[in-house]
Amino acid sequence: MHIAWLGKKSPFCGNVTYSREVTNALLDRGHQVSFLHFAQRRKPDDQLPDYQEVSIPCFYKSQIYTIPSPRSSKVLVEALKSLAPDVVHASLTLSPLDFRLPEICEELGIPLVATFHPPFDHKLRNLTSGTQHLTYQLYAPCLAKYDRVIVFSNIQRDLLHRLGVPLDRIAVIPNGVDPNRYRPGYKPLPSQLNAKRTFIYQGRISTEKNVESLLKAWKLADMGPNCQLIMVGDGPLKSSLEATYGLDQGVVWMGFEASEQRRIQLLQGADVFILPSLVEGLSLSLLEAMSCGVACLATDAGADGEVLEDGAGVVLNTQRVTAQLQTLLPLFRDHPEMTELLGRKARERVLSRYTLSQNISQVEKIYEQLHVSQPRPLSILQS
């Protein structure tokens, strides 16, 4: 089957990782994939009709949203007419073009699938979560026009249904990881990380990730010289927080790590993974840590609490992260048997629910159902 995938290749974020993992897996299974992505400059080799990668012009793109240029719709329509795919799958980038896609694909007679994964907190406990909830309210009428909308959790499905998206158009297909790549296997951390117990955070250093609450808890818990907190990632708060919480307090700032193998090594060498977010979709970093057999603590923002429910990890409340971690961190420092048990349970949970292979098989079923139920009109086949 030929899939036209509309997503992001940069800047690095969960959407980029999701697009890369799913499209590579589809290619491995023998599908043809054309990747349409936003770029501020159109490359010379992106000329119709001989490409498998197409640049859609845009004025601006960030980890959160994209502003397409006025020509973006025309370029997209031309590309889809030339490619004549069996299905269009949009990993939505929060851009105005998302609202035009149903009309474009309906005119061309091509089934349209969306993956909708903005972060959220269904309990509306703070300003950040309230802002994200407005995104769901804004998108719901548009999503109701897509042939199928993929979300990562039952919580997201229920929220969108309450906002008017028909249940039969929503498919819950969680994020997935490759457990053969992300697997337990102790790898010694660098010599400068000379600690008996290591705790790790991997992700963006920004307000919605609530990393300052983690750092405050670490300082208040007074973890001692044999423990270190490894901070992997970059973001707008990194400089100020790094200046306040440094190596003298057992905090090691690694910065952004582009190498997947290096990130896996860091997880395999850690004892505990901590994710203190205020809002989330379904954290791929959390699933990666779980798949590596690391004991995990995460807030119940987004679907992360659903992932860790029933003993697969420790679920925190987003409103009292510092106080909760101040109590829990010394327990994980002093009781290695507890981290080992939770690490095994985390790995088992990933194997049962969150493997990439399971994810792709479910996505393929959606493509097949839509392809059979919506035969392509003669006009698109002859274009």
Protein backbone atom coordinates (compact mmCIF):
# COMPACT_ATOMS: atom_id res chain seq x y z
CA MET A 1 0.00 0.00 0.00
CA HIS A 2 1.16 3.55 -0.72
CA ILE A 3 0.94 5.91 2.26
CA ALA A 4 1.47 9.67 1.99
CA TRP A 5 2.74 10.64 5.43
CA LEU A 6 2.40 14.29 6.45
CA GLY A 7 4.50 15.14 9.48
CA LYS A 8 7.63 16.81 10.83
CA LYS A 9 11.34 16.13 10.40
CA SER A 10 12.51 19.01 12.61
CA PRO A 11 12.90 20.50 15.17
CA PHE A 12 13.35 17.42 17.34
CA CYS A 13 10.24 16.53 19.35
CA GLY A 14 7.88 13.65 20.01
CA ASN A 15 6.09 14.22 16.71
CA VAL A 16 9.39 13.86 14.82
CA THR A 17 10.25 10.63 16.65
CA TYR A 18 6.76 9.21 16.10
CA SER A 19 6.87 9.98 12.37
CA ARG A 20 10.33 8.47 11.99
CA GLU A 21 9.54 5.28 13.90
CA VAL A 22 6.20 4.59 12.19
CA THR A 23 7.30 5.36 8.63
CA ASN A 24 10.48 3.28 8.99
CA ALA A 25 8.41 0.37 10.30
CA LEU A 26 5.94 0.68 7.42
CA LEU A 27 8.81 0.63 4.94
CA ASP A 28 10.22 -2.47 6.65
CA ARG A 29 6.86 -4.17 6.10
CA GLY A 30 6.96 -3.52 2.37
CA HIS A 31 4.72 -0.45 2.11
CA GLN A 32 5.56 2.52 -0.08
CA VAL A 33 5.85 5.73 1.93
CA SER A 34 6.03 9.29 0.62
CA PHE A 35 7.04 11.73 3.35
CA LEU A 36 5.53 15.21 3.12
CA HIS A 37 6.95 17.60 5.69
CA PHE A 38 7.13 21.31 6.43
CA ALA A 39 10.30 23.16 5.42
CA GLN A 40 11.09 26.85 5.21
CA ARG A 41 12.90 26.30 1.92
CA ARG A 42 11.85 23.89 -0.77
CA LYS A 43 14.75 21.71 -1.88
CA PRO A 44 15.65 21.61 -5.61
CA ASP A 45 15.08 17.83 -5.82
CA ASP A 46 11.52 18.11 -4.54
CA GLN A 47 10.11 18.55 -8.04
CA LEU A 48 7.08 16.66 -9.27
CA PRO A 49 6.72 13.84 -10.04
CA ASP A 50 9.94 11.94 -9.17
CA TYR A 51 10.22 12.33 -5.40
CA GLN A 52 9.37 10.27 -2.36
CA GLU A 53 9.96 13.24 -0.06
CA VAL A 54 8.13 16.54 -0.47
CA SER A 55 8.73 19.84 1.30
CA ILE A 56 5.61 21.83 2.17
CA PRO A 57 6.52 25.55 2.42
CA CYS A 58 6.11 27.24 5.79
CA PHE A 59 7.01 30.54 7.43
CA TYR A 60 7.82 29.08 10.86
CA LYS A 61 7.93 25.79 12.70
CA SER A 62 8.68 24.92 16.31
CA GLN A 63 8.29 21.93 18.59
CA ILE A 64 4.73 23.06 19.33
CA TYR A 65 3.18 24.53 16.17
CA THR A 66 3.77 25.32 12.49
CA ILE A 67 2.78 28.31 10.35
CA PRO A 68 2.44 27.23 6.69
CA SER A 69 2.88 29.65 3.81
CA PRO A 70 -0.11 30.63 1.61
CA ARG A 71 1.24 28.26 -1.08
CA SER A 72 1.21 25.23 1.20
CA SER A 73 -2.28 24.02 0.22
CA LYS A 74 -1.50 24.25 -3.49
CA VAL A 75 1.81 22.40 -3.08
CA LEU A 76 0.10 19.70 -1.02
CA VAL A 77 -2.72 19.20 -3.55
CA GLU A 78 -0.23 18.99 -6.44
CA ALA A 79 1.85 16.46 -4.56
CA LEU A 80 -1.12 14.26 -3.67
CA LYS A 81 -2.43 14.33 -7.24
CA SER A 82 0.97 13.28 -8.53
CA LEU A 83 1.64 10.63 -5.88
CA ALA A 84 -1.91 9.20 -5.93
CA PRO A 85 -1.48 7.45 -2.55
CA ASP A 86 -3.90 4.91 -1.14
CA VAL A 87 -4.07 6.73 2.21
CA VAL A 88 -2.97 10.06 3.64
CA HIS A 89 -1.76 9.85 7.25
CA ALA A 90 -1.16 13.18 9.00
CA SER A 91 0.78 13.28 12.25
CA LEU A 92 -0.81 16.61 13.09
CA THR A 93 1.65 19.45 13.59
CA LEU A 94 -0.82 22.00 15.03
CA SER A 95 -1.04 24.21 11.98
CA PRO A 96 -3.86 25.89 10.02
CA LEU A 97 -3.33 23.34 7.24
CA ASP A 98 -4.69 20.64 9.58
CA PHE A 99 -8.13 22.21 9.16
CA ARG A 100 -7.92 22.12 5.33
CA LEU A 101 -6.85 18.49 5.05
CA PRO A 102 -10.32 16.88 5.27
CA GLU A 103 -11.60 19.09 2.43
CA ILE A 104 -8.50 18.45 0.29
CA CYS A 105 -8.62 14.67 0.73
CA GLU A 106 -12.37 14.52 0.20
CA GLU A 107 -12.01 16.35 -3.13
CA LEU A 108 -9.26 13.94 -4.17
CA GLY A 109 -11.12 10.89 -2.89
CA ILE A 110 -8.25 9.75 -0.63
CA PRO A 111 -8.93 8.34 2.87
CA LEU A 112 -7.48 10.54 5.61
CA VAL A 113 -6.04 9.37 8.92
CA ALA A 114 -4.76 11.66 11.67
CA THR A 115 -2.61 11.03 14.70
CA PHE A 116 -3.54 13.63 17.29
CA HIS A 117 -1.09 13.82 20.16
CA PRO A 118 -0.85 17.26 21.79
CA PRO A 119 -0.04 17.01 25.51
CA PHE A 120 -2.86 17.47 27.99
CA ASP A 121 -4.01 16.93 31.57
CA HIS A 122 -7.61 15.81 31.67
CA LYS A 123 -8.17 17.13 35.22
CA LEU A 124 -7.52 20.82 34.37
CA ARG A 125 -5.40 21.37 37.47
CA ASN A 126 -3.32 24.31 36.29
CA LEU A 127 -3.03 27.03 33.66
CA THR A 128 -0.87 24.90 31.39
CA SER A 129 -3.34 22.04 31.33
CA GLY A 130 -6.21 24.47 30.76
CA THR A 131 -4.45 25.92 27.71
CA GLN A 132 -3.88 22.46 26.27
CA HIS A 133 -7.53 21.55 26.84
CA LEU A 134 -8.48 24.52 24.64
CA THR A 135 -6.42 22.93 21.85
CA TYR A 136 -8.59 19.82 22.05
CA GLN A 137 -11.75 21.96 22.02
CA LEU A 138 -10.51 23.88 18.97
CA TYR A 139 -9.58 20.75 17.03
CA ALA A 140 -12.55 18.51 17.85
CA PRO A 141 -14.94 19.83 15.11
CA CYS A 142 -12.18 19.41 12.51
CA LEU A 143 -11.17 15.94 13.73
CA ALA A 144 -14.78 14.80 13.35
CA LYS A 145 -14.27 15.20 9.58
CA TYR A 146 -11.24 12.88 9.41
CA ASP A 147 -11.93 9.28 8.40
CA ARG A 148 -10.01 8.03 11.42
CA VAL A 149 -8.26 9.75 14.34
CA ILE A 150 -5.54 7.87 16.21
CA VAL A 151 -4.96 8.80 19.84
CA PHE A 152 -2.66 7.19 22.38
CA SER A 153 -4.99 6.48 25.28
CA ASN A 154 -8.56 5.83 26.40
CA ILE A 155 -8.46 9.15 28.27
CA GLN A 156 -7.84 11.04 25.02
CA ARG A 157 -10.55 9.05 23.24
CA ASP A 158 -13.12 9.89 25.93
CA LEU A 159 -12.14 13.56 25.93
CA LEU A 160 -12.50 13.91 22.15
CA HIS A 161 -15.80 12.02 22.20
CA ARG A 162 -17.17 14.41 24.83
CA LEU A 163 -16.13 17.25 22.51
CA GLY A 164 -18.12 15.80 19.61
CA VAL A 165 -15.84 13.41 17.69
CA PRO A 166 -17.79 10.20 16.87
CA LEU A 167 -16.46 7.13 18.66
CA ASP A 168 -16.36 5.09 15.47
CA ARG A 169 -13.82 7.55 14.05
CA ILE A 170 -11.43 7.31 17.01
CA ALA A 171 -8.85 4.54 17.31
CA VAL A 172 -6.73 4.09 20.45
CA ILE A 173 -3.27 2.98 19.31
CA PRO A 174 -0.62 3.81 21.92
CA ASN A 175 2.89 4.96 21.25
CA GLY A 176 5.22 2.01 20.93
CA VAL A 177 8.91 1.17 21.31
CA ASP A 178 11.11 -1.56 19.88
CA PRO A 179 11.88 -3.78 22.91
CA ASN A 180 14.81 -5.33 21.05
CA ARG A 181 16.56 -1.95 20.87
CA TYR A 182 15.33 -0.66 24.21
CA ARG A 183 16.12 -3.59 26.50
CA PRO A 184 17.67 -4.18 29.91
CA GLY A 185 21.42 -4.57 29.87
CA TYR A 186 23.63 -2.70 32.27
CA LYS A 187 26.02 -0.31 30.54
CA PRO A 188 28.52 1.49 32.79
CA LEU A 189 27.97 5.23 32.78
CA PRO A 190 30.92 7.58 32.12
CA SER A 191 33.58 7.84 34.79
CA GLN A 192 32.49 11.36 35.75
CA LEU A 193 29.13 9.92 36.81
CA ASN A 194 30.69 8.13 39.75
CA ALA A 195 27.64 7.24 41.82
CA LYS A 196 26.17 4.13 43.37
CA ARG A 197 22.60 5.19 42.58
CA THR A 198 21.62 7.14 39.46
CA PHE A 199 18.33 8.88 38.74
CA ILE A 200 17.58 10.21 35.27
CA TYR A 201 15.31 12.68 33.47
CA GLN A 202 15.19 12.70 29.65
CA GLY A 203 13.17 15.38 27.89
CA ARG A 204 12.71 19.04 27.19
CA ILE A 205 13.85 21.48 29.90
CA SER A 206 10.75 23.66 29.83
CA THR A 207 7.86 24.86 31.96
CA GLU A 208 5.35 22.17 30.95
CA LYS A 209 7.83 19.44 31.93
CA ASN A 210 7.93 20.80 35.50
CA VAL A 211 11.61 19.95 35.94
CA GLU A 212 12.13 22.64 38.58
CA SER A 213 9.86 20.71 40.96
CA LEU A 214 12.07 17.66 40.48
CA LEU A 215 15.23 19.68 41.13
CA LYS A 216 13.75 21.28 44.26
CA ALA A 217 12.79 17.86 45.59
CA TRP A 218 16.28 16.52 44.87
CA LYS A 219 17.85 19.36 46.85
CA LEU A 220 15.41 19.02 49.75
CA ALA A 221 15.85 15.23 49.92
CA ASP A 222 19.61 15.68 50.41
CA MET A 223 20.43 12.48 48.55
CA GLY A 224 24.10 12.41 49.53
CA PRO A 225 27.37 11.94 47.61
CA ASN A 226 26.57 8.45 46.33
CA CYS A 227 23.55 9.57 44.26
CA GLN A 228 23.39 11.61 41.08
CA LEU A 229 20.54 13.04 39.05
CA ILE A 230 21.26 13.02 35.31
CA MET A 231 19.42 15.66 33.28
CA VAL A 232 19.34 14.80 29.56
CA GLY A 233 17.81 17.40 27.26
CA ASP A 234 17.71 21.06 26.33
CA GLY A 235 15.18 23.85 26.44
CA PRO A 236 14.49 27.44 27.49
CA LEU A 237 14.95 26.80 31.23
CA LYS A 238 18.20 24.85 31.02
CA SER A 239 20.64 27.74 31.56
CA SER A 240 18.90 29.21 34.59
CA LEU A 241 18.26 25.86 36.26
CA GLU A 242 21.77 24.62 35.59
CA ALA A 243 23.16 27.73 37.27
CA THR A 244 21.08 27.00 40.37
CA TYR A 245 21.36 23.21 40.59
CA GLY A 246 24.85 21.98 39.79
CA LEU A 247 27.27 19.14 40.29
CA ASP A 248 27.90 20.19 43.90
CA GLN A 249 24.30 19.08 44.56
CA GLY A 250 24.68 15.85 42.61
CA VAL A 251 22.98 17.13 39.42
CA VAL A 252 24.74 16.32 36.12
CA TRP A 253 23.59 18.26 33.05
CA MET A 254 24.18 16.24 29.87
CA GLY A 255 22.40 18.55 27.42
CA PHE A 256 20.66 17.34 24.27
CA GLU A 257 21.79 13.88 23.17
CA ALA A 258 21.24 13.19 19.47
CA SER A 259 22.57 9.63 19.51
CA GLU A 260 19.83 7.09 20.14
CA GLN A 261 22.40 4.49 21.18
CA ARG A 262 23.85 6.90 23.73
CA ARG A 263 20.38 7.63 25.15
CA ILE A 264 19.74 3.90 25.46
CA GLN A 265 23.07 3.49 27.26
CA LEU A 266 22.13 6.22 29.74
CA LEU A 267 18.81 4.52 30.47
CA GLN A 268 20.40 1.11 30.86
CA GLY A 269 22.85 2.53 33.39
CA ALA A 270 20.18 4.30 35.47
CA ASP A 271 18.25 3.01 38.46
CA VAL A 272 15.22 5.32 38.39
CA PHE A 273 13.56 7.41 35.64
CA ILE A 274 11.54 10.47 36.71
CA LEU A 275 9.02 12.43 34.60
CA PRO A 276 7.38 15.31 36.54
CA SER A 277 5.35 16.82 33.64
CA LEU A 278 2.33 19.09 34.05
CA VAL A 279 0.96 18.00 30.66
CA GLU A 280 1.75 15.05 28.39
CA GLY A 281 0.36 13.01 25.54
CA LEU A 282 1.94 9.62 26.04
CA SER A 283 5.62 10.07 26.77
CA LEU A 284 7.89 8.08 24.47
CA SER A 285 10.77 8.72 26.87
CA LEU A 286 8.78 7.03 29.61
CA LEU A 287 8.09 3.99 27.43
CA GLU A 288 11.75 3.79 26.45
CA ALA A 289 12.83 3.80 30.09
CA MET A 290 10.24 1.16 30.98
CA SER A 291 11.37 -1.03 28.09
CA CYS A 292 14.95 -0.80 29.42
CA GLY A 293 13.75 -2.16 32.75
CA VAL A 294 14.16 1.09 34.69
CA ALA A 295 11.92 1.83 37.68
CA CYS A 296 9.72 4.79 36.68
CA LEU A 297 8.04 7.65 38.52
CA ALA A 298 5.75 9.90 36.48
CA THR A 299 2.82 12.23 36.98
CA ASP A 300 -0.66 11.25 35.86
CA ALA A 301 -0.62 14.00 33.21
CA GLY A 302 -1.94 12.87 29.85
CA ALA A 303 -1.85 9.10 29.50
CA ASP A 304 1.27 8.47 31.58
CA GLY A 305 -0.73 7.48 34.65
CA GLU A 306 -2.61 4.97 32.51
CA VAL A 307 0.71 3.47 31.39
CA LEU A 308 1.95 2.99 34.97
CA GLU A 309 -1.34 1.90 36.55
CA ASP A 310 -1.65 -1.33 38.56
CA GLY A 311 1.91 -1.41 39.79
CA ALA A 312 4.00 -0.85 36.67
CA GLY A 313 5.48 2.26 38.28
CA VAL A 314 4.78 5.07 40.72
CA VAL A 315 2.14 7.62 39.69
CA LEU A 316 2.52 11.18 41.03
CA ASN A 317 -0.07 13.94 41.30
CA THR A 318 0.86 16.95 39.16
CA GLN A 319 -0.03 19.41 41.94
CA ARG A 320 2.37 18.20 44.65
CA VAL A 321 5.36 16.89 42.75
CA THR A 322 8.07 18.39 44.97
CA ALA A 323 6.57 17.09 48.21
CA GLN A 324 5.93 13.63 46.78
CA LEU A 325 9.41 13.27 45.33
CA GLN A 326 11.04 14.57 48.50
CA THR A 327 9.52 11.55 50.26
CA LEU A 328 10.02 8.99 47.49
CA LEU A 329 13.59 9.73 46.39
CA PRO A 330 15.22 8.53 49.66
CA LEU A 331 13.12 5.34 49.51
CA PHE A 332 14.46 4.50 46.06
CA ARG A 333 17.97 5.39 47.22
CA ASP A 334 17.83 3.06 50.21
CA HIS A 335 15.86 0.13 48.76
CA PRO A 336 17.42 -1.20 45.53
CA GLU A 337 15.16 -4.24 45.65
CA MET A 338 12.19 -1.91 45.08
CA THR A 339 13.74 -0.44 41.93
CA GLU A 340 14.52 -3.91 40.60
CA LEU A 341 10.94 -5.09 41.12
CA LEU A 342 9.42 -1.99 39.48
CA GLY A 343 11.90 -2.24 36.62
CA ARG A 344 10.77 -5.80 35.84
CA LYS A 345 7.11 -4.78 36.00
CA ALA A 346 7.75 -1.80 33.73
CA ARG A 347 9.37 -4.02 31.11
CA GLU A 348 6.48 -6.51 31.31
CA ARG A 349 3.96 -3.69 30.80
CA VAL A 350 5.72 -2.52 27.64
CA LEU A 351 5.86 -6.04 26.22
CA SER A 352 2.14 -6.55 26.85
CA ARG A 353 0.81 -3.20 25.59
CA TYR A 354 3.33 -0.84 24.07
CA THR A 355 5.54 -2.49 21.46
CA LEU A 356 6.08 -0.79 18.13
CA SER A 357 5.16 -3.99 16.28
CA GLN A 358 1.70 -4.07 17.88
CA ASN A 359 1.27 -0.39 17.08
CA ILE A 360 2.09 -0.82 13.38
CA SER A 361 -0.18 -3.85 12.98
CA GLN A 362 -3.14 -1.82 14.26
CA VAL A 363 -2.28 1.10 11.97
CA GLU A 364 -2.14 -1.27 9.00
CA LYS A 365 -5.62 -2.58 9.83
CA ILE A 366 -6.99 0.98 9.69
CA TYR A 367 -5.36 1.57 6.29
CA GLU A 368 -6.82 -1.66 4.93
CA GLN A 369 -10.32 -0.92 6.24
CA LEU A 370 -10.36 2.58 4.74
CA HIS A 371 -8.84 1.45 1.46
CA VAL A 372 -11.54 -1.20 1.00
CA SER A 373 -14.44 0.99 2.15
CA GLN A 374 -13.42 4.08 0.14
CA PRO A 375 -12.42 3.08 -3.42
CA ARG A 376 -10.56 5.80 -5.25
CA PRO A 377 -12.48 7.79 -7.89
CA LEU A 378 -11.44 7.50 -11.52
CA SER A 379 -10.38 11.18 -11.59
CA ILE A 380 -7.52 10.68 -9.13
CA LEU A 381 -6.41 7.44 -10.78
CA GLN A 382 -6.12 9.21 -14.14
CA SER A 383 -4.48 12.41 -12.89
